N, C-alpha and C. Protein backbone atom coordinates (compact mmCIF):
# COMPACT_ATOMS: atom_id res chain seq x y z
N MET A 1 -22.39 56.75 -156.87
CA MET A 1 -22.62 55.93 -158.06
C MET A 1 -23.99 55.27 -157.95
N ASN A 2 -24.69 55.34 -158.98
CA ASN A 2 -26.01 54.78 -159.03
C ASN A 2 -25.98 53.50 -159.81
N GLY A 3 -26.44 52.44 -159.23
CA GLY A 3 -26.38 51.09 -159.88
C GLY A 3 -27.18 51.02 -161.15
N THR A 4 -28.12 51.91 -161.39
CA THR A 4 -28.92 51.84 -162.64
C THR A 4 -28.08 52.15 -163.86
N SER A 5 -26.96 52.73 -163.75
CA SER A 5 -26.17 53.06 -164.91
C SER A 5 -25.13 51.98 -165.24
N ASN A 6 -25.13 50.87 -164.57
CA ASN A 6 -24.13 49.82 -164.87
C ASN A 6 -24.40 49.11 -166.13
N GLN A 7 -25.46 49.40 -166.84
CA GLN A 7 -25.67 48.85 -168.16
C GLN A 7 -24.71 49.46 -169.16
N ASN A 8 -24.14 50.54 -168.82
CA ASN A 8 -23.13 51.18 -169.70
C ASN A 8 -21.74 50.68 -169.32
N ASP A 9 -21.10 50.00 -170.20
CA ASP A 9 -19.75 49.53 -169.87
C ASP A 9 -18.81 50.72 -169.74
N HIS A 10 -19.00 51.72 -170.53
CA HIS A 10 -18.17 52.93 -170.48
C HIS A 10 -18.98 54.04 -171.00
N ILE A 11 -18.77 55.21 -170.47
CA ILE A 11 -19.56 56.39 -170.83
C ILE A 11 -19.37 56.70 -172.34
N LEU A 12 -18.25 56.42 -172.90
CA LEU A 12 -18.01 56.73 -174.28
C LEU A 12 -18.41 55.62 -175.25
N SER A 13 -18.59 54.41 -174.75
CA SER A 13 -18.86 53.33 -175.67
C SER A 13 -20.36 53.17 -175.93
N LYS A 14 -21.19 53.90 -175.22
CA LYS A 14 -22.60 53.85 -175.46
C LYS A 14 -22.95 54.56 -176.73
N ASN A 15 -23.56 53.83 -177.66
CA ASN A 15 -23.94 54.38 -178.98
C ASN A 15 -25.44 54.60 -178.94
N THR A 16 -25.83 55.87 -178.92
CA THR A 16 -27.22 56.22 -178.84
C THR A 16 -27.97 56.08 -180.19
N ASP A 17 -27.23 55.89 -181.25
CA ASP A 17 -27.88 55.73 -182.55
C ASP A 17 -27.57 54.35 -183.04
N ALA A 18 -28.49 53.43 -182.87
CA ALA A 18 -28.26 52.02 -183.21
C ALA A 18 -28.04 51.83 -184.72
N ASN A 19 -28.57 52.74 -185.53
CA ASN A 19 -28.39 52.61 -186.97
C ASN A 19 -27.07 53.17 -187.50
N ASN A 20 -26.27 53.70 -186.62
CA ASN A 20 -25.02 54.32 -187.04
C ASN A 20 -23.91 53.40 -186.92
N SER A 21 -23.70 52.52 -187.91
CA SER A 21 -22.71 51.45 -187.82
C SER A 21 -21.29 51.93 -188.10
N GLU A 22 -21.13 53.15 -188.54
CA GLU A 22 -19.79 53.65 -188.81
C GLU A 22 -19.02 54.02 -187.58
N HIS A 23 -19.63 53.92 -186.43
CA HIS A 23 -18.98 54.27 -185.18
C HIS A 23 -18.56 53.01 -184.43
N ASN A 24 -17.99 52.05 -185.10
CA ASN A 24 -17.46 50.85 -184.49
C ASN A 24 -16.05 51.17 -184.04
N HIS A 25 -15.83 51.31 -182.76
CA HIS A 25 -14.54 51.64 -182.20
C HIS A 25 -13.95 50.40 -181.59
N ASN A 26 -12.67 50.32 -181.52
CA ASN A 26 -11.97 49.20 -180.89
C ASN A 26 -11.75 49.58 -179.41
N HIS A 27 -12.77 49.29 -178.61
CA HIS A 27 -12.68 49.59 -177.20
C HIS A 27 -11.97 48.45 -176.45
N THR A 28 -11.02 48.81 -175.64
CA THR A 28 -10.42 47.85 -174.79
C THR A 28 -11.20 47.81 -173.50
N HIS A 29 -11.31 46.72 -172.86
CA HIS A 29 -12.04 46.60 -171.64
C HIS A 29 -11.09 46.93 -170.50
N SER A 30 -11.50 47.85 -169.68
CA SER A 30 -10.70 48.29 -168.54
C SER A 30 -10.64 47.21 -167.47
N ALA A 31 -9.77 47.43 -166.55
CA ALA A 31 -9.62 46.55 -165.41
C ALA A 31 -10.81 46.64 -164.49
N HIS A 32 -11.66 47.59 -164.66
CA HIS A 32 -12.82 47.79 -163.80
C HIS A 32 -13.97 48.30 -164.66
N PRO A 33 -15.20 48.10 -164.20
CA PRO A 33 -16.33 48.66 -164.95
C PRO A 33 -16.38 50.19 -164.76
N HIS A 34 -16.74 50.83 -165.81
CA HIS A 34 -16.87 52.31 -165.78
C HIS A 34 -18.34 52.66 -165.49
N ILE A 35 -18.62 52.80 -164.21
CA ILE A 35 -19.96 53.08 -163.79
C ILE A 35 -20.04 54.51 -163.33
N HIS A 36 -20.97 55.27 -163.93
CA HIS A 36 -21.06 56.67 -163.59
C HIS A 36 -22.49 57.00 -163.15
N SER A 37 -22.63 58.09 -162.42
CA SER A 37 -23.93 58.47 -161.90
C SER A 37 -24.87 58.85 -163.01
N GLU A 38 -26.16 58.66 -162.78
CA GLU A 38 -27.16 59.11 -163.72
C GLU A 38 -27.02 60.59 -163.99
N GLU A 39 -26.78 61.38 -163.00
CA GLU A 39 -26.63 62.85 -163.13
C GLU A 39 -25.48 63.19 -164.06
N SER A 40 -24.37 62.52 -163.93
CA SER A 40 -23.21 62.75 -164.76
C SER A 40 -23.53 62.40 -166.21
N LEU A 41 -24.11 61.20 -166.40
CA LEU A 41 -24.47 60.81 -167.74
C LEU A 41 -25.46 61.77 -168.41
N ARG A 42 -26.43 62.20 -167.62
CA ARG A 42 -27.47 63.13 -168.14
C ARG A 42 -26.82 64.43 -168.55
N LYS A 43 -25.88 64.91 -167.74
CA LYS A 43 -25.20 66.21 -168.07
C LYS A 43 -24.44 66.08 -169.37
N ILE A 44 -23.73 65.01 -169.53
CA ILE A 44 -22.92 64.84 -170.74
C ILE A 44 -23.81 64.65 -171.99
N VAL A 45 -24.85 63.84 -171.84
CA VAL A 45 -25.78 63.57 -172.98
C VAL A 45 -26.50 64.87 -173.37
N ASN A 46 -26.90 65.69 -172.39
CA ASN A 46 -27.54 66.94 -172.66
C ASN A 46 -26.62 67.88 -173.43
N ARG A 47 -25.39 67.95 -173.02
CA ARG A 47 -24.42 68.79 -173.75
C ARG A 47 -24.20 68.31 -175.17
N LEU A 48 -24.12 67.01 -175.32
CA LEU A 48 -23.95 66.45 -176.67
C LEU A 48 -25.18 66.67 -177.54
N SER A 49 -26.34 66.63 -176.95
CA SER A 49 -27.54 66.92 -177.71
C SER A 49 -27.55 68.39 -178.17
N ARG A 50 -27.10 69.32 -177.35
CA ARG A 50 -27.04 70.68 -177.77
C ARG A 50 -26.03 70.88 -178.86
N ILE A 51 -24.91 70.18 -178.77
CA ILE A 51 -23.93 70.26 -179.86
C ILE A 51 -24.46 69.70 -181.14
N GLU A 52 -25.21 68.61 -181.03
CA GLU A 52 -25.83 68.01 -182.19
C GLU A 52 -26.78 68.98 -182.87
N GLY A 53 -27.55 69.72 -182.13
CA GLY A 53 -28.45 70.73 -182.64
C GLY A 53 -27.65 71.86 -183.27
N HIS A 54 -26.56 72.25 -182.65
CA HIS A 54 -25.72 73.33 -183.17
C HIS A 54 -25.12 72.90 -184.53
N ILE A 55 -24.71 71.65 -184.61
CA ILE A 55 -24.18 71.16 -185.90
C ILE A 55 -25.23 71.20 -187.01
N ARG A 56 -26.46 70.81 -186.66
CA ARG A 56 -27.54 70.91 -187.62
C ARG A 56 -27.75 72.35 -188.08
N GLY A 57 -27.64 73.25 -187.14
CA GLY A 57 -27.75 74.70 -187.48
C GLY A 57 -26.67 75.13 -188.46
N ILE A 58 -25.45 74.66 -188.23
CA ILE A 58 -24.32 74.98 -189.15
C ILE A 58 -24.60 74.40 -190.55
N LYS A 59 -25.13 73.16 -190.57
CA LYS A 59 -25.46 72.54 -191.84
C LYS A 59 -26.48 73.39 -192.58
N THR A 60 -27.46 73.89 -191.90
CA THR A 60 -28.49 74.77 -192.48
C THR A 60 -27.86 76.04 -192.98
N MET A 61 -26.93 76.64 -192.21
CA MET A 61 -26.25 77.84 -192.64
C MET A 61 -25.51 77.59 -193.97
N VAL A 62 -24.85 76.47 -194.11
CA VAL A 62 -24.11 76.16 -195.33
C VAL A 62 -25.10 75.96 -196.48
N GLN A 63 -26.22 75.28 -196.22
CA GLN A 63 -27.21 75.04 -197.27
C GLN A 63 -27.85 76.36 -197.73
N GLN A 64 -27.89 77.36 -196.83
CA GLN A 64 -28.47 78.65 -197.20
C GLN A 64 -27.40 79.64 -197.63
N ASN A 65 -26.22 79.18 -197.91
CA ASN A 65 -25.13 80.02 -198.40
C ASN A 65 -24.80 81.17 -197.44
N SER A 66 -24.82 80.92 -196.15
CA SER A 66 -24.43 81.94 -195.18
C SER A 66 -22.99 82.33 -195.38
N PRO A 67 -22.60 83.54 -194.99
CA PRO A 67 -21.21 83.99 -195.14
C PRO A 67 -20.24 83.04 -194.46
N CYS A 68 -19.16 82.72 -195.11
CA CYS A 68 -18.14 81.82 -194.57
C CYS A 68 -17.66 82.25 -193.20
N PRO A 69 -17.37 83.50 -192.93
CA PRO A 69 -16.92 83.87 -191.58
C PRO A 69 -17.97 83.53 -190.51
N ASP A 70 -19.24 83.64 -190.84
CA ASP A 70 -20.30 83.30 -189.86
C ASP A 70 -20.31 81.77 -189.61
N VAL A 71 -20.11 80.99 -190.66
CA VAL A 71 -20.04 79.55 -190.51
C VAL A 71 -18.84 79.15 -189.70
N LEU A 72 -17.69 79.76 -190.01
CA LEU A 72 -16.49 79.43 -189.25
C LEU A 72 -16.64 79.82 -187.75
N LEU A 73 -17.31 80.88 -187.47
CA LEU A 73 -17.55 81.27 -186.08
C LEU A 73 -18.38 80.23 -185.34
N GLN A 74 -19.37 79.69 -186.03
CA GLN A 74 -20.21 78.66 -185.42
C GLN A 74 -19.46 77.35 -185.28
N ILE A 75 -18.60 77.05 -186.23
CA ILE A 75 -17.76 75.85 -186.09
C ILE A 75 -16.84 75.98 -184.90
N ALA A 76 -16.27 77.16 -184.71
CA ALA A 76 -15.41 77.41 -183.57
C ALA A 76 -16.17 77.22 -182.26
N ALA A 77 -17.45 77.63 -182.24
CA ALA A 77 -18.24 77.50 -181.02
C ALA A 77 -18.51 75.99 -180.74
N VAL A 78 -18.74 75.21 -181.79
CA VAL A 78 -18.98 73.77 -181.59
C VAL A 78 -17.66 73.16 -181.14
N ARG A 79 -16.55 73.53 -181.69
CA ARG A 79 -15.28 72.96 -181.32
C ARG A 79 -15.05 73.22 -179.80
N GLY A 80 -15.32 74.42 -179.37
CA GLY A 80 -15.18 74.75 -177.95
C GLY A 80 -16.12 73.94 -177.08
N ALA A 81 -17.34 73.73 -177.55
CA ALA A 81 -18.30 72.92 -176.80
C ALA A 81 -17.87 71.47 -176.72
N VAL A 82 -17.33 70.92 -177.79
CA VAL A 82 -16.85 69.53 -177.74
C VAL A 82 -15.67 69.43 -176.79
N ASP A 83 -14.77 70.44 -176.81
CA ASP A 83 -13.64 70.43 -175.88
C ASP A 83 -14.15 70.47 -174.42
N ARG A 84 -15.18 71.23 -174.14
CA ARG A 84 -15.72 71.28 -172.77
C ARG A 84 -16.34 69.94 -172.38
N VAL A 85 -16.97 69.23 -173.27
CA VAL A 85 -17.50 67.88 -172.97
C VAL A 85 -16.36 66.94 -172.71
N ALA A 86 -15.29 67.05 -173.52
CA ALA A 86 -14.13 66.18 -173.29
C ALA A 86 -13.54 66.46 -171.91
N ARG A 87 -13.51 67.69 -171.51
CA ARG A 87 -12.98 68.03 -170.17
C ARG A 87 -13.85 67.42 -169.10
N ILE A 88 -15.14 67.45 -169.25
CA ILE A 88 -16.06 66.82 -168.30
C ILE A 88 -15.81 65.31 -168.23
N VAL A 89 -15.70 64.70 -169.35
CA VAL A 89 -15.45 63.24 -169.40
C VAL A 89 -14.09 62.92 -168.74
N LEU A 90 -13.08 63.69 -169.05
CA LEU A 90 -11.79 63.44 -168.46
C LEU A 90 -11.81 63.66 -166.95
N ASP A 91 -12.48 64.71 -166.51
CA ASP A 91 -12.62 65.01 -165.10
C ASP A 91 -13.36 63.84 -164.35
N GLU A 92 -14.42 63.38 -164.96
CA GLU A 92 -15.17 62.25 -164.43
C GLU A 92 -14.32 61.00 -164.33
N HIS A 93 -13.54 60.80 -165.40
CA HIS A 93 -12.66 59.61 -165.43
C HIS A 93 -11.60 59.69 -164.31
N LEU A 94 -11.03 60.85 -164.11
CA LEU A 94 -9.99 61.01 -163.11
C LEU A 94 -10.57 60.88 -161.70
N THR A 95 -11.70 61.52 -161.45
CA THR A 95 -12.25 61.53 -160.10
C THR A 95 -12.94 60.25 -159.74
N GLU A 96 -13.49 59.55 -160.71
CA GLU A 96 -14.22 58.32 -160.40
C GLU A 96 -13.44 57.06 -160.78
N CYS A 97 -13.11 56.93 -162.04
CA CYS A 97 -12.51 55.68 -162.55
C CYS A 97 -11.09 55.44 -162.07
N VAL A 98 -10.27 56.48 -162.21
CA VAL A 98 -8.85 56.32 -161.81
C VAL A 98 -8.79 56.19 -160.28
N ALA A 99 -9.60 56.96 -159.60
CA ALA A 99 -9.62 56.86 -158.11
C ALA A 99 -10.08 55.44 -157.69
N ARG A 100 -11.06 54.91 -158.33
CA ARG A 100 -11.54 53.54 -158.05
C ARG A 100 -10.47 52.50 -158.33
N ALA A 101 -9.77 52.71 -159.47
CA ALA A 101 -8.69 51.77 -159.83
C ALA A 101 -7.55 51.83 -158.79
N ALA A 102 -7.24 53.03 -158.28
CA ALA A 102 -6.23 53.13 -157.27
C ALA A 102 -6.66 52.41 -156.02
N LYS A 103 -7.85 52.59 -155.64
CA LYS A 103 -8.43 52.00 -154.44
C LYS A 103 -8.39 50.43 -154.58
N ASN A 104 -8.66 49.93 -155.75
CA ASN A 104 -8.72 48.50 -156.00
C ASN A 104 -7.38 47.90 -156.32
N GLY A 105 -6.36 48.71 -156.43
CA GLY A 105 -5.02 48.21 -156.68
C GLY A 105 -4.66 47.97 -158.15
N ASN A 106 -5.43 48.43 -159.08
CA ASN A 106 -5.08 48.23 -160.52
C ASN A 106 -4.88 49.59 -161.23
N ILE A 107 -4.22 50.49 -160.55
CA ILE A 107 -3.98 51.86 -161.11
C ILE A 107 -3.04 51.80 -162.33
N ASP A 108 -2.09 50.87 -162.38
CA ASP A 108 -1.16 50.83 -163.52
C ASP A 108 -1.91 50.58 -164.81
N VAL A 109 -2.80 49.63 -164.79
CA VAL A 109 -3.59 49.32 -166.03
C VAL A 109 -4.45 50.52 -166.43
N GLU A 110 -5.07 51.13 -165.45
CA GLU A 110 -5.94 52.30 -165.75
C GLU A 110 -5.13 53.46 -166.28
N MET A 111 -3.94 53.70 -165.76
CA MET A 111 -3.12 54.79 -166.25
C MET A 111 -2.64 54.54 -167.68
N GLU A 112 -2.33 53.30 -167.99
CA GLU A 112 -1.90 52.96 -169.37
C GLU A 112 -3.07 53.19 -170.34
N GLU A 113 -4.25 52.78 -169.97
CA GLU A 113 -5.44 53.01 -170.80
C GLU A 113 -5.70 54.51 -170.99
N LEU A 114 -5.56 55.26 -169.93
CA LEU A 114 -5.77 56.71 -170.02
C LEU A 114 -4.71 57.36 -170.94
N LYS A 115 -3.45 56.94 -170.80
CA LYS A 115 -2.40 57.49 -171.65
C LYS A 115 -2.68 57.16 -173.14
N ALA A 116 -3.14 55.94 -173.39
CA ALA A 116 -3.43 55.55 -174.79
C ALA A 116 -4.57 56.37 -175.31
N ALA A 117 -5.61 56.61 -174.55
CA ALA A 117 -6.74 57.41 -174.93
C ALA A 117 -6.30 58.85 -175.22
N LEU A 118 -5.49 59.43 -174.35
CA LEU A 118 -5.00 60.78 -174.51
C LEU A 118 -4.13 60.88 -175.74
N ASP A 119 -3.35 59.89 -176.05
CA ASP A 119 -2.54 59.87 -177.27
C ASP A 119 -3.39 60.02 -178.52
N ARG A 120 -4.57 59.37 -178.52
CA ARG A 120 -5.47 59.44 -179.67
C ARG A 120 -6.29 60.75 -179.64
N PHE A 121 -6.50 61.26 -178.47
CA PHE A 121 -7.37 62.44 -178.31
C PHE A 121 -6.60 63.75 -178.58
N LEU A 122 -5.41 63.88 -178.06
CA LEU A 122 -4.62 65.09 -178.19
C LEU A 122 -3.91 65.14 -179.54
N PRO A 123 -3.83 66.31 -180.11
CA PRO A 123 -3.18 66.47 -181.40
C PRO A 123 -1.67 66.17 -181.30
């Protein structure tokens, strides 16, 4: 864990677009700070940036009246990419945050927060 990333309360609560006020989420504060390595944050942000570019490409396809099956194929690719990012975030949470909570003796709170998040995340 790199101390320079402690400015982020949680990997998912960091809003990289300060002008985007529609992303006000009701974040509960965990029993511990969610501090992640710079490498981990960089990997996730890079993947999200690629997804963002892919979404812009799909928007362009729609604006240019590309065939619907082609658009749907690209949407499926983005959906898969988002799922892979979610898997990375979940893996990071389990290996770092939940493990840290267990070590510090507050695993019950962390598990309840994880269950609540998964209830919102999973269909």
